[in-house]
Structures are given as structure tokens and as C-alpha cells.
């Protein structure tokens, strides 16, 4: 990104009618400002405590047991045949 901006600044100064280099200086100030902003460290993250884990409810456990027993009965019935 800075190389492209520097190239634009050089071209603007070379092909401008005014010979004072004001356009190039403006681009240079912008590039220095952006590079300074990119070089500073990121802001610290907020440290939050971990969330309380949710317990599996008794209803879910009962449903799991029912499904397991039904599958076991089907397998047992298939093994008998």
C-alpha cells in the first residue's frame, strides 16, 4: 500500500503545473500518519470471566435413556430371528 501511494505522489508532483510539490507533501503526510497508526499496538481486549456451564437437564437424560433402550430392544429382537 505505501509503495502505491508513493508512486502516486511522485507522478502527481512530476505532472502537476505547480512546482512546489504540495500534492506530494500532502500524500507524504497521509502515508506517515497511516504508517504510524499501523505501527502502534492494538488496544487491549476486555478480560471477561468464563460463562457458567449449563447442566444437562434430567429430561434430556431420560430421553437419551429411552432411545438407548429402544435401540437395544430392536437389536436384541433382530438377534433372536
N, C-alpha and C. Protein backbone atom coordinates (compact mmCIF):
# COMPACT_ATOMS: atom_id res chain seq x y z
N UNK A 1 0.81 -1.19 0.00
CA UNK A 1 0.00 0.00 0.00
C UNK A 1 0.86 1.27 0.00
N UNK A 2 1.89 1.37 0.83
CA UNK A 2 2.69 2.60 0.81
C UNK A 2 3.41 2.80 -0.52
N UNK A 3 3.84 1.71 -1.16
CA UNK A 3 4.56 1.87 -2.43
C UNK A 3 3.65 2.48 -3.49
N UNK A 4 2.40 2.07 -3.51
CA UNK A 4 1.46 2.64 -4.47
C UNK A 4 1.20 4.12 -4.21
N UNK A 5 1.09 4.48 -2.94
CA UNK A 5 0.86 5.89 -2.59
C UNK A 5 2.08 6.74 -2.94
N UNK A 6 3.28 6.19 -2.71
CA UNK A 6 4.50 6.94 -3.03
C UNK A 6 4.58 7.16 -4.53
N UNK A 7 4.23 6.13 -5.30
CA UNK A 7 4.24 6.26 -6.75
C UNK A 7 3.26 7.32 -7.21
N UNK A 8 2.06 7.31 -6.62
CA UNK A 8 1.08 8.34 -6.98
C UNK A 8 1.57 9.74 -6.63
N UNK A 9 2.22 9.87 -5.49
CA UNK A 9 2.74 11.18 -5.08
C UNK A 9 3.81 11.66 -6.04
N UNK A 10 4.70 10.76 -6.45
CA UNK A 10 5.77 11.14 -7.37
C UNK A 10 5.20 11.54 -8.73
N UNK A 11 4.22 10.79 -9.21
CA UNK A 11 3.61 11.11 -10.50
C UNK A 11 2.86 12.44 -10.43
N UNK A 12 2.16 12.65 -9.33
CA UNK A 12 1.39 13.90 -9.18
C UNK A 12 2.33 15.10 -9.18
N UNK A 13 3.46 14.96 -8.49
CA UNK A 13 4.42 16.07 -8.47
C UNK A 13 5.08 16.27 -9.83
N UNK A 14 5.34 15.18 -10.53
CA UNK A 14 6.04 15.29 -11.82
C UNK A 14 5.15 15.92 -12.89
N UNK A 15 3.86 15.61 -12.87
CA UNK A 15 2.98 16.07 -13.94
C UNK A 15 2.11 17.26 -13.56
N UNK A 16 2.27 17.80 -12.36
CA UNK A 16 1.48 18.97 -11.95
C UNK A 16 2.10 20.24 -12.53
N UNK A 17 1.26 21.22 -12.71
CA UNK A 17 1.74 22.52 -13.21
C UNK A 17 2.51 23.28 -12.12
N UNK A 18 2.08 23.10 -10.87
CA UNK A 18 2.76 23.81 -9.79
C UNK A 18 4.02 23.03 -9.41
N UNK A 19 5.10 23.71 -9.26
CA UNK A 19 6.37 23.06 -8.98
C UNK A 19 6.73 23.02 -7.51
N UNK A 20 5.81 23.41 -6.62
CA UNK A 20 6.16 23.45 -5.20
C UNK A 20 6.05 22.10 -4.51
N UNK A 21 5.44 21.09 -5.13
CA UNK A 21 5.34 19.75 -4.54
C UNK A 21 4.33 19.64 -3.44
N UNK A 22 3.30 20.47 -3.46
CA UNK A 22 2.31 20.45 -2.38
C UNK A 22 1.48 19.17 -2.39
N UNK A 23 1.18 18.66 -3.58
CA UNK A 23 0.39 17.42 -3.67
C UNK A 23 1.19 16.26 -3.10
N UNK A 24 2.47 16.17 -3.47
CA UNK A 24 3.33 15.11 -2.95
C UNK A 24 3.50 15.20 -1.45
N UNK A 25 3.61 16.42 -0.93
CA UNK A 25 3.76 16.60 0.52
C UNK A 25 2.49 16.16 1.25
N UNK A 26 1.34 16.45 0.65
CA UNK A 26 0.07 16.03 1.26
C UNK A 26 -0.01 14.50 1.31
N UNK A 27 0.39 13.83 0.19
CA UNK A 27 0.40 12.37 0.17
C UNK A 27 1.39 11.83 1.20
N UNK A 28 2.55 12.47 1.33
CA UNK A 28 3.56 12.01 2.27
C UNK A 28 3.05 12.10 3.70
N UNK A 29 2.40 13.19 4.04
CA UNK A 29 1.84 13.33 5.39
C UNK A 29 0.81 12.25 5.66
N UNK A 30 -0.02 11.96 4.65
CA UNK A 30 -1.04 10.93 4.80
C UNK A 30 -0.40 9.55 5.00
N UNK A 31 0.65 9.26 4.23
CA UNK A 31 1.34 7.98 4.35
C UNK A 31 1.99 7.84 5.72
N UNK A 32 2.65 8.89 6.21
CA UNK A 32 3.28 8.84 7.53
C UNK A 32 2.25 8.66 8.63
N UNK A 33 1.10 9.31 8.50
CA UNK A 33 0.05 9.18 9.50
C UNK A 33 -0.47 7.74 9.54
N UNK A 34 -0.70 7.15 8.37
CA UNK A 34 -1.20 5.78 8.33
C UNK A 34 -0.18 4.78 8.83
N UNK A 35 1.09 4.98 8.48
CA UNK A 35 2.12 4.04 8.95
C UNK A 35 2.28 4.14 10.46
N UNK A 36 2.15 5.33 11.01
CA UNK A 36 2.23 5.48 12.47
C UNK A 36 1.06 4.78 13.15
N UNK A 37 -0.11 4.88 12.54
CA UNK A 37 -1.28 4.22 13.11
C UNK A 37 -1.16 2.71 13.03
N UNK A 38 -0.60 2.19 11.92
CA UNK A 38 -0.43 0.76 11.77
C UNK A 38 0.64 0.20 12.70
N UNK A 39 1.64 1.02 13.04
CA UNK A 39 2.72 0.52 13.88
C UNK A 39 2.39 0.52 15.37
N UNK A 40 1.36 1.23 15.79
CA UNK A 40 1.02 1.23 17.22
C UNK A 40 0.33 -0.07 17.58
N UNK A 41 0.48 -0.53 18.83
CA UNK A 41 -0.10 -1.82 19.23
C UNK A 41 -1.63 -1.74 19.26
N UNK A 42 -2.27 -2.89 19.08
CA UNK A 42 -3.74 -2.89 19.12
C UNK A 42 -4.24 -2.62 20.54
N UNK A 43 -5.46 -2.15 20.68
CA UNK A 43 -5.99 -1.89 22.02
C UNK A 43 -6.17 -3.21 22.78
N UNK A 44 -6.01 -3.18 24.10
CA UNK A 44 -6.15 -4.42 24.87
C UNK A 44 -7.60 -4.91 24.85
N UNK A 45 -7.71 -6.23 24.86
CA UNK A 45 -9.05 -6.83 24.87
C UNK A 45 -9.59 -6.87 26.29
N UNK A 46 -10.90 -6.82 26.40
CA UNK A 46 -11.54 -6.91 27.71
C UNK A 46 -11.43 -8.35 28.21
N UNK A 47 -11.04 -8.49 29.46
CA UNK A 47 -10.95 -9.82 30.06
C UNK A 47 -12.27 -10.09 30.74
N UNK A 48 -12.97 -11.08 30.22
CA UNK A 48 -14.27 -11.43 30.80
C UNK A 48 -14.18 -12.80 31.45
N UNK A 49 -14.90 -13.02 32.52
CA UNK A 49 -14.88 -14.36 33.13
C UNK A 49 -15.62 -15.36 32.24
N UNK A 50 -15.27 -16.61 32.38
CA UNK A 50 -15.92 -17.64 31.59
C UNK A 50 -17.38 -17.79 32.02
N UNK A 51 -18.21 -18.16 31.08
CA UNK A 51 -19.62 -18.35 31.39
C UNK A 51 -19.81 -19.63 32.21
N UNK A 52 -20.85 -19.65 32.99
CA UNK A 52 -21.17 -20.82 33.79
C UNK A 52 -21.67 -21.91 32.85
N UNK A 53 -21.10 -23.11 32.91
CA UNK A 53 -21.54 -24.16 32.00
C UNK A 53 -22.96 -24.61 32.36
N UNK A 54 -23.72 -24.95 31.34
CA UNK A 54 -25.09 -25.39 31.55
C UNK A 54 -25.11 -26.87 31.87
N UNK A 55 -25.95 -27.23 32.81
CA UNK A 55 -26.12 -28.64 33.14
C UNK A 55 -27.09 -29.27 32.17
N UNK A 56 -26.87 -30.51 31.87
CA UNK A 56 -27.81 -31.23 31.04
C UNK A 56 -28.99 -31.58 31.92
N UNK A 57 -30.16 -31.22 31.46
CA UNK A 57 -31.34 -31.44 32.28
C UNK A 57 -31.73 -32.90 32.39
N UNK A 58 -32.49 -33.21 33.42
CA UNK A 58 -32.91 -34.58 33.66
C UNK A 58 -33.81 -35.07 32.54
N UNK A 59 -34.57 -34.17 31.95
CA UNK A 59 -35.46 -34.57 30.86
C UNK A 59 -34.66 -35.08 29.67
N UNK A 60 -33.58 -34.38 29.34
CA UNK A 60 -32.75 -34.80 28.22
C UNK A 60 -32.12 -36.16 28.50
N UNK A 61 -31.72 -36.38 29.74
CA UNK A 61 -31.12 -37.66 30.11
C UNK A 61 -32.15 -38.78 29.97
N UNK A 62 -33.38 -38.53 30.40
CA UNK A 62 -34.43 -39.54 30.28
C UNK A 62 -34.70 -39.88 28.83
N UNK A 63 -34.74 -38.87 27.97
CA UNK A 63 -34.98 -39.12 26.55
C UNK A 63 -33.86 -39.94 25.94
N UNK A 64 -32.63 -39.64 26.32
CA UNK A 64 -31.50 -40.41 25.82
C UNK A 64 -31.61 -41.87 26.26
N UNK A 65 -31.99 -42.08 27.51
CA UNK A 65 -32.14 -43.45 28.02
C UNK A 65 -33.21 -44.21 27.26
N UNK A 66 -34.34 -43.53 27.00
CA UNK A 66 -35.42 -44.19 26.26
C UNK A 66 -34.96 -44.60 24.87
N UNK A 67 -34.28 -43.70 24.19
CA UNK A 67 -33.78 -44.03 22.85
C UNK A 67 -32.80 -45.19 22.90
N UNK A 68 -31.92 -45.18 23.90
CA UNK A 68 -30.94 -46.24 24.01
C UNK A 68 -31.62 -47.59 24.25
N UNK A 69 -32.62 -47.60 25.15
CA UNK A 69 -33.29 -48.88 25.45
C UNK A 69 -34.09 -49.37 24.25
N UNK A 70 -34.72 -48.46 23.48
CA UNK A 70 -35.45 -48.87 22.29
C UNK A 70 -34.51 -49.48 21.25
N UNK A 71 -33.36 -48.85 21.07
CA UNK A 71 -32.39 -49.38 20.10
C UNK A 71 -31.87 -50.74 20.56
N UNK A 72 -31.63 -50.86 21.86
CA UNK A 72 -31.13 -52.13 22.40
C UNK A 72 -32.17 -53.23 22.21
N UNK A 73 -33.46 -52.89 22.43
CA UNK A 73 -34.52 -53.90 22.24
C UNK A 73 -34.63 -54.32 20.79
N UNK A 74 -34.52 -53.35 19.87
CA UNK A 74 -34.56 -53.70 18.46
C UNK A 74 -33.40 -54.60 18.05
N UNK A 75 -32.24 -54.31 18.55
CA UNK A 75 -31.08 -55.15 18.24
C UNK A 75 -31.24 -56.53 18.81
N UNK A 76 -31.76 -56.63 20.04
CA UNK A 76 -31.97 -57.93 20.67
C UNK A 76 -33.00 -58.72 19.89
N UNK A 77 -34.06 -58.05 19.44
CA UNK A 77 -35.08 -58.74 18.65
C UNK A 77 -34.52 -59.20 17.30
N UNK A 78 -33.66 -58.41 16.69
CA UNK A 78 -33.07 -58.80 15.42
C UNK A 78 -32.12 -59.96 15.61
N UNK A 79 -31.46 -60.04 16.75
CA UNK A 79 -30.52 -61.12 17.00
C UNK A 79 -31.26 -62.44 17.24
N UNK A 80 -32.48 -62.38 17.73
CA UNK A 80 -33.26 -63.60 18.01
C UNK A 80 -33.73 -64.28 16.74
N UNK A 81 -33.95 -63.51 15.72
CA UNK A 81 -34.51 -64.08 14.50
C UNK A 81 -33.53 -64.88 13.75
